[in-house]
């Protein structure tokens, strides 16, 4: 396991993001979690909250300045767990793009400009910019936006139906239990632990990796064994 790392996270107040923060803080080698939010949050040990206006023209520059400061204390990775989840149907495609491509892409660009090599991106199963389905198409566009930035290590997480999450109706989880493979269920804690494991175990590697349900479960188990 890599020593003394930090992580900067966008979307850390959401369900998956909050779970990822918890899993990362469970790793003794994680020296600090830096949560970029639009509003202040409650103080926690080893968690630093930095309030930034994600819609501001200088969001990328402010993110880069923050990332440089974090990197000055040792290795650091970046995570985006931004997503609208089950509420996406109420969003127009332009609004989805503004969040998923605009905000996430700007955050990623700022991290890259500061010298962060590893970026973890929460996406969705089946994502492709060529899809005729709006949400899947926008998720694919988000992946392409971050991919084109050029991180040394890009880990894309494509969960199926996320269970253990209050936003997932019980009937959806039941249906997902009948669906095998990448479109089926994955527990929110397993997804979050796989993100933590990617940072703890693979930050020094290069290339792009796409993790679907089975790969996330395997990666999370590796971290559980080490802990």
Protein backbone atom coordinates (compact mmCIF):
# COMPACT_ATOMS: atom_id res chain seq x y z
CA UNK A 1 0.00 0.00 0.00
CA UNK A 2 1.26 3.49 -0.82
CA UNK A 3 2.24 5.64 2.14
CA UNK A 4 0.86 8.94 3.35
CA UNK A 5 -1.58 9.95 0.64
CA UNK A 6 -4.34 12.53 0.43
CA UNK A 7 -7.42 12.76 -1.76
CA UNK A 8 -9.32 15.75 -3.09
CA UNK A 9 -12.97 14.91 -3.72
CA UNK A 10 -15.80 16.65 -5.51
CA UNK A 11 -19.25 15.27 -4.73
CA UNK A 12 -18.19 14.01 -1.31
CA UNK A 13 -21.46 15.05 0.33
CA UNK A 14 -23.54 12.73 -1.85
CA UNK A 15 -24.40 9.12 -1.05
CA UNK A 16 -21.55 7.46 -2.95
CA UNK A 17 -19.12 10.29 -2.30
CA UNK A 18 -19.82 10.23 1.43
CA UNK A 19 -19.27 6.48 1.50
CA UNK A 20 -15.98 6.92 -0.40
CA UNK A 21 -14.82 9.50 2.15
CA UNK A 22 -15.60 7.06 4.96
CA UNK A 23 -13.72 4.22 3.26
CA UNK A 24 -10.69 6.39 2.58
CA UNK A 25 -10.58 7.66 6.16
CA UNK A 26 -10.58 4.03 7.33
CA UNK A 27 -7.15 3.66 5.73
CA UNK A 28 -4.46 4.77 8.23
CA UNK A 29 -2.19 5.93 5.42
CA UNK A 30 -4.74 8.52 4.28
CA UNK A 31 -3.40 11.71 5.83
CA UNK A 32 -6.21 13.99 4.69
CA UNK A 33 -9.48 14.16 2.79
CA UNK A 34 -10.03 17.52 1.11
CA UNK A 35 -13.71 17.98 0.31
CA UNK A 36 -14.57 20.66 -2.23
CA UNK A 37 -18.12 21.83 -1.58
CA UNK A 38 -20.37 24.76 -2.39
CA UNK A 39 -21.45 25.17 1.26
CA UNK A 40 -19.61 24.56 4.56
CA UNK A 41 -19.95 21.12 6.13
CA UNK A 42 -19.48 19.83 9.68
CA UNK A 43 -15.90 19.37 10.85
CA UNK A 44 -14.44 15.85 10.97
CA UNK A 45 -11.04 14.50 11.90
CA UNK A 46 -8.63 14.41 8.92
CA UNK A 47 -11.24 16.11 6.73
CA UNK A 48 -10.65 19.59 5.37
CA UNK A 49 -13.54 21.43 3.80
CA UNK A 50 -12.81 23.98 1.09
CA UNK A 51 -15.79 25.96 -0.18
CA UNK A 52 -15.54 26.92 -3.84
CA UNK A 53 -18.04 28.31 -6.33
CA UNK A 54 -18.19 25.55 -8.94
CA UNK A 55 -19.86 27.92 -11.38
CA UNK A 56 -17.26 30.65 -11.13
CA UNK A 57 -15.05 31.51 -14.08
CA UNK A 58 -11.94 30.83 -11.98
CA UNK A 59 -13.07 27.47 -10.59
CA UNK A 60 -10.30 25.61 -12.46
CA UNK A 61 -7.65 28.04 -11.23
CA UNK A 62 -8.84 27.84 -7.62
CA UNK A 63 -8.95 24.06 -7.81
CA UNK A 64 -5.41 24.01 -9.20
CA UNK A 65 -4.16 26.25 -6.40
CA UNK A 66 -5.76 23.98 -3.81
CA UNK A 67 -4.36 20.85 -5.44
CA UNK A 68 -0.84 22.31 -5.54
CA UNK A 69 -1.04 23.07 -1.81
CA UNK A 70 -2.21 19.52 -1.05
CA UNK A 71 0.55 18.05 -3.23
CA UNK A 72 3.15 20.11 -1.39
CA UNK A 73 2.60 17.84 1.63
CA UNK A 74 2.89 14.56 -0.28
CA UNK A 75 1.15 12.36 -2.86
CA UNK A 76 -2.48 13.15 -3.66
CA UNK A 77 -5.20 11.81 -5.92
CA UNK A 78 -8.48 13.33 -7.09
CA UNK A 79 -11.99 11.89 -7.10
CA UNK A 80 -15.28 12.97 -8.65
CA UNK A 81 -18.40 11.34 -7.24
CA UNK A 82 -20.67 13.97 -8.74
CA UNK A 83 -23.93 12.65 -10.11
CA UNK A 84 -27.66 13.29 -10.04
CA UNK A 85 -28.58 9.63 -9.57
CA UNK A 86 -32.24 8.69 -9.75
CA UNK A 87 -33.29 12.33 -10.17
CA UNK A 88 -31.75 12.65 -13.62
CA UNK A 89 -35.13 12.45 -15.38
CA UNK A 90 -36.04 15.87 -14.00
CA UNK A 91 -32.94 17.41 -15.58
CA UNK A 92 -32.69 18.66 -19.14
CA UNK A 93 -29.78 17.44 -21.23
CA UNK A 94 -28.22 20.90 -21.09
CA UNK A 95 -28.44 20.96 -17.30
CA UNK A 96 -26.89 17.49 -17.11
CA UNK A 97 -24.06 18.60 -19.37
CA UNK A 98 -23.53 21.74 -17.30
CA UNK A 99 -22.96 19.61 -14.22
CA UNK A 100 -21.41 16.41 -15.53
CA UNK A 101 -19.22 17.89 -18.26
CA UNK A 102 -18.84 21.49 -17.11
CA UNK A 103 -18.33 21.24 -13.36
CA UNK A 104 -16.64 17.83 -13.32
CA UNK A 105 -14.51 18.65 -16.36
CA UNK A 106 -13.38 21.96 -14.87
CA UNK A 107 -12.52 20.31 -11.56
CA UNK A 108 -10.54 17.62 -13.38
CA UNK A 109 -8.69 20.22 -15.46
CA UNK A 110 -7.68 22.14 -12.34
CA UNK A 111 -6.39 18.96 -10.69
CA UNK A 112 -4.42 18.01 -13.79
CA UNK A 113 -2.91 21.47 -14.15
CA UNK A 114 -1.65 21.23 -10.57
CA UNK A 115 0.15 17.98 -11.30
CA UNK A 116 -2.21 15.35 -9.91
CA UNK A 117 -1.60 12.11 -11.80
CA UNK A 118 -4.50 9.88 -10.66
CA UNK A 119 -8.18 10.69 -11.16
CA UNK A 120 -11.12 8.50 -10.13
CA UNK A 121 -14.38 9.17 -11.96
CA UNK A 122 -17.83 7.90 -10.99
CA UNK A 123 -19.82 7.15 -14.15
CA UNK A 124 -22.54 4.61 -14.95
CA UNK A 125 -22.84 1.20 -16.57
CA UNK A 126 -23.00 1.21 -20.37
CA UNK A 127 -21.85 4.82 -20.70
CA UNK A 128 -21.01 5.94 -24.23
CA UNK A 129 -21.31 9.26 -25.99
CA UNK A 130 -22.93 7.41 -28.93
CA UNK A 131 -25.93 6.20 -26.93
CA UNK A 132 -29.44 7.29 -27.92
CA UNK A 133 -30.35 7.36 -24.20
CA UNK A 134 -29.80 10.79 -22.70
CA UNK A 135 -28.31 9.90 -19.32
CA UNK A 136 -25.99 7.20 -20.70
CA UNK A 137 -24.93 9.57 -23.50
CA UNK A 138 -24.06 12.39 -21.10
CA UNK A 139 -22.13 9.98 -18.87
CA UNK A 140 -20.16 8.89 -21.92
CA UNK A 141 -19.47 12.51 -22.79
CA UNK A 142 -18.26 13.08 -19.22
CA UNK A 143 -15.87 10.15 -19.52
CA UNK A 144 -14.53 11.52 -22.80
CA UNK A 145 -14.11 14.99 -21.32
CA UNK A 146 -11.97 13.69 -18.45
CA UNK A 147 -10.20 11.15 -20.67
CA UNK A 148 -9.06 13.88 -23.05
CA UNK A 149 -7.42 15.84 -20.23
CA UNK A 150 -4.62 13.29 -20.12
CA UNK A 151 -4.22 12.01 -16.56
CA UNK A 152 -1.42 9.49 -16.06
CA UNK A 153 -3.90 7.20 -14.30
CA UNK A 154 -7.64 7.38 -14.97
CA UNK A 155 -9.97 4.97 -13.18
CA UNK A 156 -13.59 5.02 -14.37
CA UNK A 157 -16.19 3.35 -12.15
CA UNK A 158 -19.33 2.14 -13.92
CA UNK A 159 -21.71 0.69 -11.34
CA UNK A 160 -24.95 -1.00 -12.24
CA UNK A 161 -27.82 -0.59 -9.75
CA UNK A 162 -26.42 0.87 -6.53
CA UNK A 163 -28.09 -0.73 -3.50
CA UNK A 164 -27.67 0.20 0.15
CA UNK A 165 -28.54 3.72 -1.00
CA UNK A 166 -31.75 5.45 0.14
CA UNK A 167 -32.24 6.85 -3.36
CA UNK A 168 -32.62 3.34 -4.82
CA UNK A 169 -36.21 2.06 -4.40
CA UNK A 170 -36.53 -1.42 -2.91
CA UNK A 171 -38.25 -2.74 -6.02
CA UNK A 172 -35.35 -1.58 -8.19
CA UNK A 173 -32.89 -3.42 -5.96
CA UNK A 174 -35.05 -6.54 -6.15
CA UNK A 175 -35.08 -6.31 -9.93
CA UNK A 176 -31.33 -5.74 -9.98
CA UNK A 177 -30.77 -8.90 -7.97
CA UNK A 178 -32.23 -10.85 -10.89
CA UNK A 179 -29.94 -9.19 -13.45
CA UNK A 180 -26.48 -10.75 -13.76
CA UNK A 181 -23.28 -8.96 -14.72
CA UNK A 182 -22.54 -5.26 -14.94
CA UNK A 183 -26.18 -4.12 -15.03
CA UNK A 184 -27.06 -5.84 -11.75
CA UNK A 185 -26.70 -4.74 -8.15
CA UNK A 186 -23.62 -3.45 -6.37
CA UNK A 187 -23.65 -2.37 -2.76
CA UNK A 188 -22.77 1.27 -2.20
CA UNK A 189 -20.12 0.32 0.37
CA UNK A 190 -18.41 -2.01 -2.10
CA UNK A 191 -18.39 0.70 -4.77
CA UNK A 192 -16.95 3.19 -2.28
CA UNK A 193 -14.35 0.72 -1.04
CA UNK A 194 -13.23 0.02 -4.61
CA UNK A 195 -12.61 3.74 -5.12
CA UNK A 196 -10.57 3.81 -1.91
CA UNK A 197 -8.66 0.72 -3.03
CA UNK A 198 -7.86 2.25 -6.41
CA UNK A 199 -6.24 5.21 -4.66
CA UNK A 200 -4.48 3.19 -1.98
CA UNK A 201 -3.17 0.42 -4.23
CA UNK A 202 -2.86 1.77 -7.77
CA UNK A 203 -1.95 5.46 -7.66
CA UNK A 204 1.55 4.83 -9.01
CA UNK A 205 0.33 2.94 -12.06
CA UNK A 206 -0.43 4.42 -15.45
CA UNK A 207 -3.11 4.03 -18.07
CA UNK A 208 -6.89 3.91 -18.02
CA UNK A 209 -8.95 1.27 -16.27
CA UNK A 210 -12.72 0.84 -16.45
CA UNK A 211 -14.22 -0.98 -13.50
CA UNK A 212 -17.68 -2.51 -13.66
CA UNK A 213 -19.45 -4.47 -10.92
CA UNK A 214 -17.30 -7.61 -10.87
CA UNK A 215 -14.02 -5.69 -11.03
CA UNK A 216 -15.14 -3.31 -8.27
CA UNK A 217 -16.07 -6.21 -6.00
CA UNK A 218 -12.69 -7.85 -6.59
CA UNK A 219 -10.80 -4.62 -5.94
CA UNK A 220 -12.77 -3.86 -2.78
CA UNK A 221 -11.98 -7.34 -1.47
CA UNK A 222 -8.25 -6.69 -1.92
CA UNK A 223 -8.48 -3.66 0.32
CA UNK A 224 -10.53 -5.56 2.90
CA UNK A 225 -7.81 -8.23 3.10
CA UNK A 226 -5.11 -5.63 3.67
CA UNK A 227 -7.13 -3.94 6.39
